[in-house]
């Protein structure tokens, strides 16, 4: 997914949020926040956290995905231990490359295709379907207020000091 950095920067400026405040309130690392703000690419989970913090809907701070090749595929057979995955999106390709380096016995890159996609084998136990929590506007506001109170109580910096 892509963050509308301009819109989010406007919210940051209006609320006087620092990158540190975003880290504290979303649970994202400073490195992740810097990368998201520089590149605009963001996971669905991180985008939801940022939207919750800002008190807006995800669609208000996201941009459409404009990648030319956007096929992502996961294939596996019942009762088999290995799945074949093919990804075109950079964040998934980066993750697969990292896992192939760190865990070569479990993750093997099969091909890097001319269209930019990557094909690999991974354990089927790595395949998960985790839908995000469905929250009402009221629940989002309650969570936002709870996080604000928590960080206020624990001395976290939510706004730049003037």
N, C-alpha and C. Protein backbone atom coordinates (compact mmCIF):
# COMPACT_ATOMS: atom_id res chain seq x y z
N UNK A 1 0.84 -1.16 0.00
CA UNK A 1 0.00 0.00 0.00
C UNK A 1 0.90 1.24 0.00
N UNK A 2 0.29 2.34 -0.38
CA UNK A 2 1.07 3.58 -0.45
C UNK A 2 0.43 4.66 0.43
N UNK A 3 1.26 5.30 1.22
CA UNK A 3 0.82 6.39 2.09
C UNK A 3 0.82 7.68 1.28
N UNK A 4 -0.24 8.46 1.41
CA UNK A 4 -0.28 9.79 0.83
C UNK A 4 0.53 10.68 1.77
N UNK A 5 1.82 10.77 1.47
CA UNK A 5 2.75 11.47 2.36
C UNK A 5 2.38 12.94 2.53
N UNK A 6 1.90 13.56 1.47
CA UNK A 6 1.54 14.98 1.56
C UNK A 6 0.40 15.18 2.57
N UNK A 7 -0.64 14.36 2.46
CA UNK A 7 -1.76 14.49 3.40
C UNK A 7 -1.32 14.18 4.83
N UNK A 8 -0.52 13.13 4.99
CA UNK A 8 -0.08 12.79 6.34
C UNK A 8 0.84 13.85 6.90
N UNK A 9 1.70 14.43 6.06
CA UNK A 9 2.58 15.50 6.52
C UNK A 9 1.76 16.70 6.99
N UNK A 10 0.66 16.98 6.29
CA UNK A 10 -0.23 18.07 6.71
C UNK A 10 -0.80 17.79 8.10
N UNK A 11 -1.19 16.53 8.34
CA UNK A 11 -1.71 16.15 9.67
C UNK A 11 -0.60 16.29 10.71
N UNK A 12 0.61 15.81 10.37
CA UNK A 12 1.74 15.92 11.29
C UNK A 12 2.02 17.37 11.65
N UNK A 13 2.02 18.23 10.64
CA UNK A 13 2.29 19.65 10.88
C UNK A 13 1.19 20.28 11.74
N UNK A 14 -0.07 19.98 11.41
CA UNK A 14 -1.19 20.54 12.16
C UNK A 14 -1.16 20.11 13.62
N UNK A 15 -0.87 18.82 13.86
CA UNK A 15 -0.85 18.27 15.21
C UNK A 15 0.50 18.44 15.91
N UNK A 16 1.50 18.93 15.15
CA UNK A 16 2.86 19.11 15.66
C UNK A 16 3.47 17.80 16.15
N UNK A 17 3.24 16.73 15.38
CA UNK A 17 3.80 15.43 15.72
C UNK A 17 5.20 15.30 15.17
N UNK A 18 6.07 14.72 15.97
CA UNK A 18 7.42 14.38 15.53
C UNK A 18 7.43 12.92 15.08
N UNK A 19 8.51 12.51 14.42
CA UNK A 19 8.64 11.10 14.06
C UNK A 19 8.67 10.25 15.33
N UNK A 20 9.28 10.77 16.38
CA UNK A 20 9.33 10.04 17.65
C UNK A 20 7.92 9.79 18.19
N UNK A 21 7.07 10.80 18.09
CA UNK A 21 5.69 10.66 18.56
C UNK A 21 4.96 9.59 17.75
N UNK A 22 5.21 9.57 16.46
CA UNK A 22 4.57 8.56 15.60
C UNK A 22 5.03 7.16 16.03
N UNK A 23 6.31 7.02 16.30
CA UNK A 23 6.84 5.72 16.76
C UNK A 23 6.16 5.29 18.05
N UNK A 24 6.09 6.19 19.01
CA UNK A 24 5.49 5.87 20.30
C UNK A 24 4.02 5.49 20.17
N UNK A 25 3.30 6.22 19.37
CA UNK A 25 1.85 6.03 19.30
C UNK A 25 1.43 4.89 18.38
N UNK A 26 2.31 4.49 17.45
CA UNK A 26 1.95 3.41 16.53
C UNK A 26 2.66 2.11 16.84
N UNK A 27 3.76 2.17 17.59
CA UNK A 27 4.56 0.98 17.85
C UNK A 27 5.52 0.66 16.72
N UNK A 28 5.61 1.55 15.72
CA UNK A 28 6.55 1.35 14.61
C UNK A 28 7.93 1.81 15.04
N UNK A 29 8.96 1.23 14.46
CA UNK A 29 10.32 1.65 14.77
C UNK A 29 10.63 2.95 14.06
N UNK A 30 11.61 3.66 14.57
CA UNK A 30 12.02 4.92 13.94
C UNK A 30 12.47 4.67 12.49
N UNK A 31 13.19 3.59 12.29
CA UNK A 31 13.66 3.24 10.95
C UNK A 31 12.48 3.03 10.00
N UNK A 32 11.44 2.34 10.48
CA UNK A 32 10.25 2.10 9.65
C UNK A 32 9.55 3.40 9.31
N UNK A 33 9.39 4.27 10.30
CA UNK A 33 8.72 5.54 10.05
C UNK A 33 9.50 6.37 9.04
N UNK A 34 10.81 6.43 9.20
CA UNK A 34 11.64 7.18 8.24
C UNK A 34 11.49 6.61 6.83
N UNK A 35 11.51 5.29 6.71
CA UNK A 35 11.40 4.65 5.41
C UNK A 35 10.03 4.92 4.79
N UNK A 36 8.98 4.80 5.59
CA UNK A 36 7.62 5.06 5.11
C UNK A 36 7.50 6.50 4.63
N UNK A 37 8.02 7.44 5.41
CA UNK A 37 7.92 8.85 5.04
C UNK A 37 8.75 9.17 3.80
N UNK A 38 9.85 8.46 3.61
CA UNK A 38 10.70 8.70 2.44
C UNK A 38 10.11 8.06 1.18
N UNK A 39 9.65 6.81 1.30
CA UNK A 39 9.23 6.04 0.13
C UNK A 39 7.72 5.99 -0.09
N UNK A 40 6.96 6.17 0.97
CA UNK A 40 5.50 6.14 0.83
C UNK A 40 4.91 4.74 0.84
N UNK A 41 5.74 3.71 0.73
CA UNK A 41 5.23 2.34 0.76
C UNK A 41 5.06 1.91 2.20
N UNK A 42 3.94 1.23 2.47
CA UNK A 42 3.62 0.89 3.84
C UNK A 42 2.78 -0.38 3.86
N UNK A 43 2.97 -1.20 4.87
CA UNK A 43 2.15 -2.41 5.01
C UNK A 43 0.75 -2.00 5.42
N UNK A 44 -0.19 -2.89 5.21
CA UNK A 44 -1.58 -2.62 5.59
C UNK A 44 -1.67 -2.37 7.10
N UNK A 45 -0.97 -3.18 7.88
CA UNK A 45 -0.99 -3.04 9.33
C UNK A 45 -0.45 -1.68 9.76
N UNK A 46 0.70 -1.29 9.21
CA UNK A 46 1.30 0.00 9.58
C UNK A 46 0.40 1.15 9.16
N UNK A 47 -0.21 1.04 7.98
CA UNK A 47 -1.10 2.11 7.52
C UNK A 47 -2.31 2.23 8.44
N UNK A 48 -2.83 1.10 8.92
CA UNK A 48 -3.95 1.14 9.86
C UNK A 48 -3.54 1.79 11.18
N UNK A 49 -2.33 1.49 11.64
CA UNK A 49 -1.84 2.10 12.88
C UNK A 49 -1.71 3.61 12.73
N UNK A 50 -1.17 4.02 11.60
CA UNK A 50 -0.99 5.45 11.34
C UNK A 50 -2.35 6.14 11.24
N UNK A 51 -3.30 5.50 10.55
CA UNK A 51 -4.65 6.07 10.42
C UNK A 51 -5.31 6.18 11.79
N UNK A 52 -5.17 5.13 12.62
CA UNK A 52 -5.73 5.17 13.97
C UNK A 52 -5.15 6.34 14.76
N UNK A 53 -3.85 6.50 14.67
CA UNK A 53 -3.19 7.59 15.39
C UNK A 53 -3.73 8.94 14.94
N UNK A 54 -3.92 9.08 13.63
CA UNK A 54 -4.37 10.35 13.07
C UNK A 54 -5.87 10.57 13.22
N UNK A 55 -6.59 9.49 13.59
CA UNK A 55 -8.03 9.60 13.74
C UNK A 55 -8.75 9.73 12.41
N UNK A 56 -8.20 9.09 11.37
CA UNK A 56 -8.82 9.12 10.05
C UNK A 56 -9.00 7.71 9.53
N UNK A 57 -9.76 7.57 8.46
CA UNK A 57 -9.90 6.28 7.80
C UNK A 57 -8.68 6.03 6.91
N UNK A 58 -8.34 4.77 6.73
CA UNK A 58 -7.19 4.40 5.91
C UNK A 58 -7.25 5.06 4.54
N UNK A 59 -8.43 5.05 3.93
CA UNK A 59 -8.58 5.61 2.58
C UNK A 59 -8.27 7.09 2.49
N UNK A 60 -8.32 7.79 3.61
CA UNK A 60 -8.05 9.22 3.60
C UNK A 60 -6.56 9.54 3.50
N UNK A 61 -5.70 8.58 3.85
CA UNK A 61 -4.26 8.84 3.79
C UNK A 61 -3.51 7.84 2.92
N UNK A 62 -4.24 7.11 2.08
CA UNK A 62 -3.58 6.14 1.20
C UNK A 62 -3.77 6.54 -0.25
N UNK A 63 -2.86 6.06 -1.08
CA UNK A 63 -2.90 6.28 -2.52
C UNK A 63 -3.12 4.95 -3.21
N UNK A 64 -3.66 4.95 -4.43
CA UNK A 64 -3.82 3.69 -5.15
C UNK A 64 -2.46 3.10 -5.51
N UNK A 65 -2.37 1.78 -5.56
CA UNK A 65 -1.14 1.09 -5.95
C UNK A 65 -1.00 1.21 -7.46
N UNK A 66 0.13 1.76 -7.93
CA UNK A 66 0.28 2.00 -9.35
C UNK A 66 1.35 1.12 -10.00
N UNK A 67 1.77 0.08 -9.33
CA UNK A 67 2.80 -0.77 -9.92
C UNK A 67 2.26 -1.45 -11.17
N UNK A 68 3.10 -1.56 -12.19
CA UNK A 68 2.68 -2.15 -13.46
C UNK A 68 2.39 -3.64 -13.30
N UNK A 69 3.22 -4.32 -12.56
CA UNK A 69 3.04 -5.75 -12.35
C UNK A 69 2.66 -5.94 -10.89
N UNK A 70 1.44 -6.35 -10.64
CA UNK A 70 1.02 -6.45 -9.25
C UNK A 70 0.48 -7.83 -8.90
N UNK A 71 0.92 -8.85 -9.65
CA UNK A 71 0.48 -10.20 -9.33
C UNK A 71 1.29 -10.75 -8.17
N UNK A 72 0.59 -11.24 -7.18
CA UNK A 72 1.21 -11.92 -6.05
C UNK A 72 0.45 -13.24 -5.90
N UNK A 73 1.20 -14.32 -5.82
CA UNK A 73 0.57 -15.63 -5.79
C UNK A 73 1.19 -16.52 -4.72
N UNK A 74 0.33 -17.28 -4.05
CA UNK A 74 0.79 -18.29 -3.10
C UNK A 74 0.10 -19.59 -3.50
N UNK A 75 0.88 -20.61 -3.76
CA UNK A 75 0.32 -21.91 -4.16
C UNK A 75 0.88 -23.01 -3.27
N UNK A 76 0.00 -23.90 -2.83
CA UNK A 76 0.47 -25.08 -2.10
C UNK A 76 -0.62 -26.14 -2.16
N UNK A 77 -0.20 -27.37 -2.01
CA UNK A 77 -1.12 -28.50 -2.02
C UNK A 77 -1.42 -28.93 -0.59
N UNK A 78 -2.62 -29.41 -0.40
CA UNK A 78 -3.04 -29.89 0.91
C UNK A 78 -2.05 -30.93 1.43
N UNK A 79 -1.69 -30.82 2.69
CA UNK A 79 -0.80 -31.74 3.38
C UNK A 79 0.64 -31.73 2.87
N UNK A 80 1.02 -30.73 2.09
CA UNK A 80 2.40 -30.59 1.66
C UNK A 80 3.09 -29.55 2.55
N UNK A 81 4.38 -29.70 2.69
CA UNK A 81 5.12 -28.82 3.59
C UNK A 81 5.71 -27.60 2.90
N UNK A 82 5.66 -27.57 1.57
CA UNK A 82 6.28 -26.46 0.84
C UNK A 82 5.26 -25.73 -0.01
N UNK A 83 5.33 -24.40 0.03
CA UNK A 83 4.49 -23.55 -0.81
C UNK A 83 5.38 -22.82 -1.80
N UNK A 84 4.83 -22.50 -2.95
CA UNK A 84 5.53 -21.70 -3.94
C UNK A 84 4.87 -20.32 -3.94
N UNK A 85 5.69 -19.30 -3.83
CA UNK A 85 5.18 -17.93 -3.81
C UNK A 85 5.81 -17.15 -4.95
N UNK A 86 5.04 -16.23 -5.48
CA UNK A 86 5.53 -15.33 -6.52
C UNK A 86 5.05 -13.93 -6.16
N UNK A 87 5.99 -13.00 -6.07
CA UNK A 87 5.65 -11.64 -5.68
C UNK A 87 6.20 -10.62 -6.67
N UNK A 88 5.42 -9.59 -6.92
CA UNK A 88 5.85 -8.46 -7.74
C UNK A 88 6.12 -7.23 -6.88
N UNK A 89 5.48 -7.15 -5.73
CA UNK A 89 5.63 -5.99 -4.87
C UNK A 89 6.97 -6.00 -4.14
N UNK A 90 7.61 -4.84 -4.14
CA UNK A 90 8.95 -4.71 -3.57
C UNK A 90 9.07 -5.15 -2.13
N UNK A 91 8.08 -4.81 -1.30
CA UNK A 91 8.20 -5.15 0.12
C UNK A 91 8.21 -6.66 0.34
N UNK A 92 7.44 -7.40 -0.47
CA UNK A 92 7.43 -8.86 -0.33
C UNK A 92 8.71 -9.45 -0.92
N UNK A 93 9.18 -8.90 -2.02
CA UNK A 93 10.43 -9.40 -2.61
C UNK A 93 11.59 -9.17 -1.64
N UNK A 94 11.62 -8.00 -1.01
CA UNK A 94 12.69 -7.72 -0.03
C UNK A 94 12.63 -8.69 1.13
N UNK A 95 11.43 -8.96 1.59
CA UNK A 95 11.25 -9.89 2.72
C UNK A 95 11.72 -11.30 2.35
N UNK A 96 11.35 -11.76 1.16
CA UNK A 96 11.77 -13.10 0.71
C UNK A 96 13.29 -13.15 0.57
N UNK A 97 13.91 -12.13 -0.01
CA UNK A 97 15.37 -12.11 -0.15
C UNK A 97 16.04 -12.19 1.23
N UNK A 98 15.52 -11.44 2.19
CA UNK A 98 16.08 -11.44 3.54
C UNK A 98 15.94 -12.82 4.18
N UNK A 99 14.75 -13.43 4.05
CA UNK A 99 14.53 -14.75 4.62
C UNK A 99 15.40 -15.81 3.94
N UNK A 100 15.60 -15.69 2.63
CA UNK A 100 16.44 -16.65 1.91
C UNK A 100 17.88 -16.58 2.42
N UNK A 101 18.34 -15.38 2.77
CA UNK A 101 19.70 -15.22 3.33
C UNK A 101 19.78 -15.77 4.75
N UNK A 102 18.79 -15.40 5.57
CA UNK A 102 18.79 -15.78 6.99
C UNK A 102 18.45 -17.25 7.22
N UNK A 103 17.59 -17.80 6.37
CA UNK A 103 17.09 -19.16 6.59
C UNK A 103 17.08 -19.95 5.28
N UNK A 104 18.27 -20.19 4.71
CA UNK A 104 18.33 -20.85 3.40
C UNK A 104 17.77 -22.27 3.38
N UNK A 105 17.73 -22.92 4.52
CA UNK A 105 17.16 -24.26 4.58
C UNK A 105 15.64 -24.27 4.44
N UNK A 106 15.02 -23.13 4.72
CA UNK A 106 13.56 -23.04 4.67
C UNK A 106 13.05 -22.22 3.50
N UNK A 107 13.81 -21.24 3.06
CA UNK A 107 13.36 -20.32 2.02
C UNK A 107 14.38 -20.28 0.89
N UNK A 108 13.95 -20.68 -0.29
CA UNK A 108 14.84 -20.69 -1.44
C UNK A 108 14.22 -19.88 -2.59
N UNK A 109 15.00 -18.96 -3.13
CA UNK A 109 14.55 -18.21 -4.30
C UNK A 109 14.75 -19.11 -5.51
N UNK A 110 13.67 -19.32 -6.26
CA UNK A 110 13.70 -20.18 -7.43
C UNK A 110 14.07 -19.38 -8.67
N UNK A 111 13.50 -18.17 -8.80
CA UNK A 111 13.76 -17.36 -9.98
C UNK A 111 13.46 -15.89 -9.70
N UNK A 112 14.22 -15.03 -10.38
CA UNK A 112 13.90 -13.61 -10.42
C UNK A 112 13.62 -13.34 -11.89
N UNK A 113 12.37 -13.07 -12.20
CA UNK A 113 11.90 -13.01 -13.58
C UNK A 113 12.16 -11.66 -14.25
N UNK A 114 12.12 -11.67 -15.58
CA UNK A 114 12.35 -10.46 -16.37
C UNK A 114 11.34 -9.37 -16.06
N UNK A 115 10.13 -9.75 -15.66
CA UNK A 115 9.10 -8.75 -15.35
C UNK A 115 9.30 -8.13 -13.97
N UNK A 116 10.35 -8.55 -13.25
CA UNK A 116 10.63 -8.00 -11.94
C UNK A 116 10.09 -8.82 -10.79
N UNK A 117 9.29 -9.84 -11.10
CA UNK A 117 8.73 -10.67 -10.03
C UNK A 117 9.77 -11.67 -9.53
N UNK A 118 9.49 -12.21 -8.36
CA UNK A 118 10.38 -13.15 -7.72
C UNK A 118 9.57 -14.40 -7.36
N UNK A 119 10.13 -15.56 -7.58
CA UNK A 119 9.47 -16.82 -7.24
C UNK A 119 10.34 -17.54 -6.22
N UNK A 120 9.71 -18.10 -5.18
CA UNK A 120 10.46 -18.77 -4.12
C UNK A 120 9.65 -19.91 -3.53
N UNK A 121 10.35 -20.78 -2.81
CA UNK A 121 9.70 -21.84 -2.04
C UNK A 121 9.84 -21.49 -0.56
N UNK A 122 8.74 -21.65 0.18
CA UNK A 122 8.72 -21.39 1.62
C UNK A 122 7.92 -22.50 2.29
N UNK A 123 8.07 -22.69 3.60
CA UNK A 123 7.24 -23.67 4.31
C UNK A 123 5.77 -23.23 4.31
N UNK A 124 4.86 -24.16 4.15
CA UNK A 124 3.43 -23.80 4.18
C UNK A 124 3.03 -23.25 5.54
N UNK A 125 3.78 -23.58 6.58
CA UNK A 125 3.46 -23.05 7.92
C UNK A 125 3.64 -21.54 7.98
N UNK A 126 4.33 -20.95 7.01
CA UNK A 126 4.51 -19.51 6.97
C UNK A 126 3.31 -18.80 6.35
N UNK A 127 2.44 -19.54 5.70
CA UNK A 127 1.28 -18.93 5.03
C UNK A 127 0.20 -18.68 6.07
N UNK A 128 -0.17 -17.44 6.24
CA UNK A 128 -1.17 -17.05 7.23
C UNK A 128 -2.19 -16.12 6.59
N UNK A 129 -3.40 -16.18 7.04
CA UNK A 129 -4.42 -15.23 6.63
C UNK A 129 -4.87 -14.53 7.90
N UNK A 130 -4.53 -13.25 8.01
CA UNK A 130 -4.80 -12.48 9.23
C UNK A 130 -5.52 -11.19 8.88
N UNK A 131 -6.83 -11.21 8.85
CA UNK A 131 -7.55 -9.98 8.53
C UNK A 131 -7.38 -8.95 9.64
N UNK A 132 -7.35 -7.67 9.28
CA UNK A 132 -7.24 -6.64 10.31
C UNK A 132 -8.51 -6.59 11.15
N UNK A 133 -8.38 -6.08 12.34
CA UNK A 133 -9.53 -5.95 13.23
C UNK A 133 -10.52 -4.95 12.63
N UNK A 134 -11.79 -5.32 12.63
CA UNK A 134 -12.84 -4.41 12.16
C UNK A 134 -13.20 -3.50 13.33
N UNK A 135 -13.05 -2.19 13.12
CA UNK A 135 -13.32 -1.24 14.19
C UNK A 135 -14.29 -0.17 13.72
N UNK A 136 -15.18 0.20 14.61
CA UNK A 136 -16.09 1.30 14.32
C UNK A 136 -15.35 2.61 14.58
N UNK A 137 -15.92 3.70 14.12
CA UNK A 137 -15.32 5.00 14.38
C UNK A 137 -15.19 5.25 15.88
N UNK A 138 -16.21 4.82 16.62
CA UNK A 138 -16.21 5.00 18.08
C UNK A 138 -15.05 4.22 18.70
N UNK A 139 -14.83 2.98 18.26
CA UNK A 139 -13.75 2.16 18.79
C UNK A 139 -12.39 2.77 18.45
N UNK A 140 -12.27 3.32 17.24
CA UNK A 140 -11.02 3.95 16.83
C UNK A 140 -10.73 5.17 17.71
N UNK A 141 -11.75 5.95 17.98
CA UNK A 141 -11.57 7.14 18.82
C UNK A 141 -11.20 6.75 20.25
N UNK A 142 -11.84 5.72 20.78
CA UNK A 142 -11.52 5.24 22.13
C UNK A 142 -10.07 4.77 22.19
N UNK A 143 -9.63 4.02 21.18
CA UNK A 143 -8.25 3.53 21.14
C UNK A 143 -7.27 4.69 21.03
N UNK A 144 -7.61 5.68 20.21
CA UNK A 144 -6.76 6.85 20.05
C UNK A 144 -6.62 7.59 21.38
N UNK A 145 -7.73 7.81 22.08
CA UNK A 145 -7.69 8.49 23.37
C UNK A 145 -6.91 7.68 24.41
N UNK A 146 -7.08 6.36 24.39
CA UNK A 146 -6.36 5.49 25.33
C UNK A 146 -4.85 5.60 25.09
N UNK A 147 -4.44 5.57 23.83
CA UNK A 147 -3.02 5.69 23.51
C UNK A 147 -2.48 7.05 23.94
N UNK A 148 -3.27 8.09 23.73
CA UNK A 148 -2.86 9.44 24.11
C UNK A 148 -2.66 9.51 25.63
N UNK A 149 -3.63 8.99 26.38
CA UNK A 149 -3.52 8.99 27.85
C UNK A 149 -2.30 8.18 28.31
N UNK A 150 -2.10 7.01 27.70
CA UNK A 150 -0.97 6.16 28.07
C UNK A 150 0.35 6.91 27.89
N UNK A 151 0.51 7.52 26.71
CA UNK A 151 1.78 8.20 26.44
C UNK A 151 1.93 9.46 27.26
N UNK A 152 0.83 10.12 27.57
CA UNK A 152 0.90 11.29 28.45
C UNK A 152 1.33 10.88 29.85
N UNK A 153 0.77 9.79 30.34
CA UNK A 153 1.07 9.28 31.68
C UNK A 153 2.51 8.80 31.79
N UNK A 154 3.02 8.18 30.72
CA UNK A 154 4.35 7.58 30.76
C UNK A 154 5.42 8.52 30.22
N UNK A 155 5.07 9.78 30.02
CA UNK A 155 6.07 10.77 29.65
C UNK A 155 6.53 10.73 28.22
N UNK A 156 5.80 10.08 27.34
CA UNK A 156 6.20 10.04 25.93
C UNK A 156 5.94 11.38 25.30
N UNK A 157 6.80 11.79 24.37
CA UNK A 157 6.64 13.05 23.68
C UNK A 157 5.68 12.83 22.51
N UNK A 158 4.52 13.47 22.58
CA UNK A 158 3.56 13.36 21.50
C UNK A 158 3.64 14.52 20.54
N UNK A 159 4.03 15.67 21.02
CA UNK A 159 4.14 16.86 20.19
C UNK A 159 5.53 17.45 20.37
N UNK A 160 5.94 18.22 19.37
CA UNK A 160 7.22 18.93 19.51
C UNK A 160 7.10 19.92 20.65
N UNK A 161 8.19 20.07 21.35
CA UNK A 161 8.18 21.06 22.43
C UNK A 161 8.47 22.42 21.81
N UNK A 162 7.65 23.40 22.14
CA UNK A 162 7.75 24.72 21.51
C UNK A 162 8.58 25.69 22.24
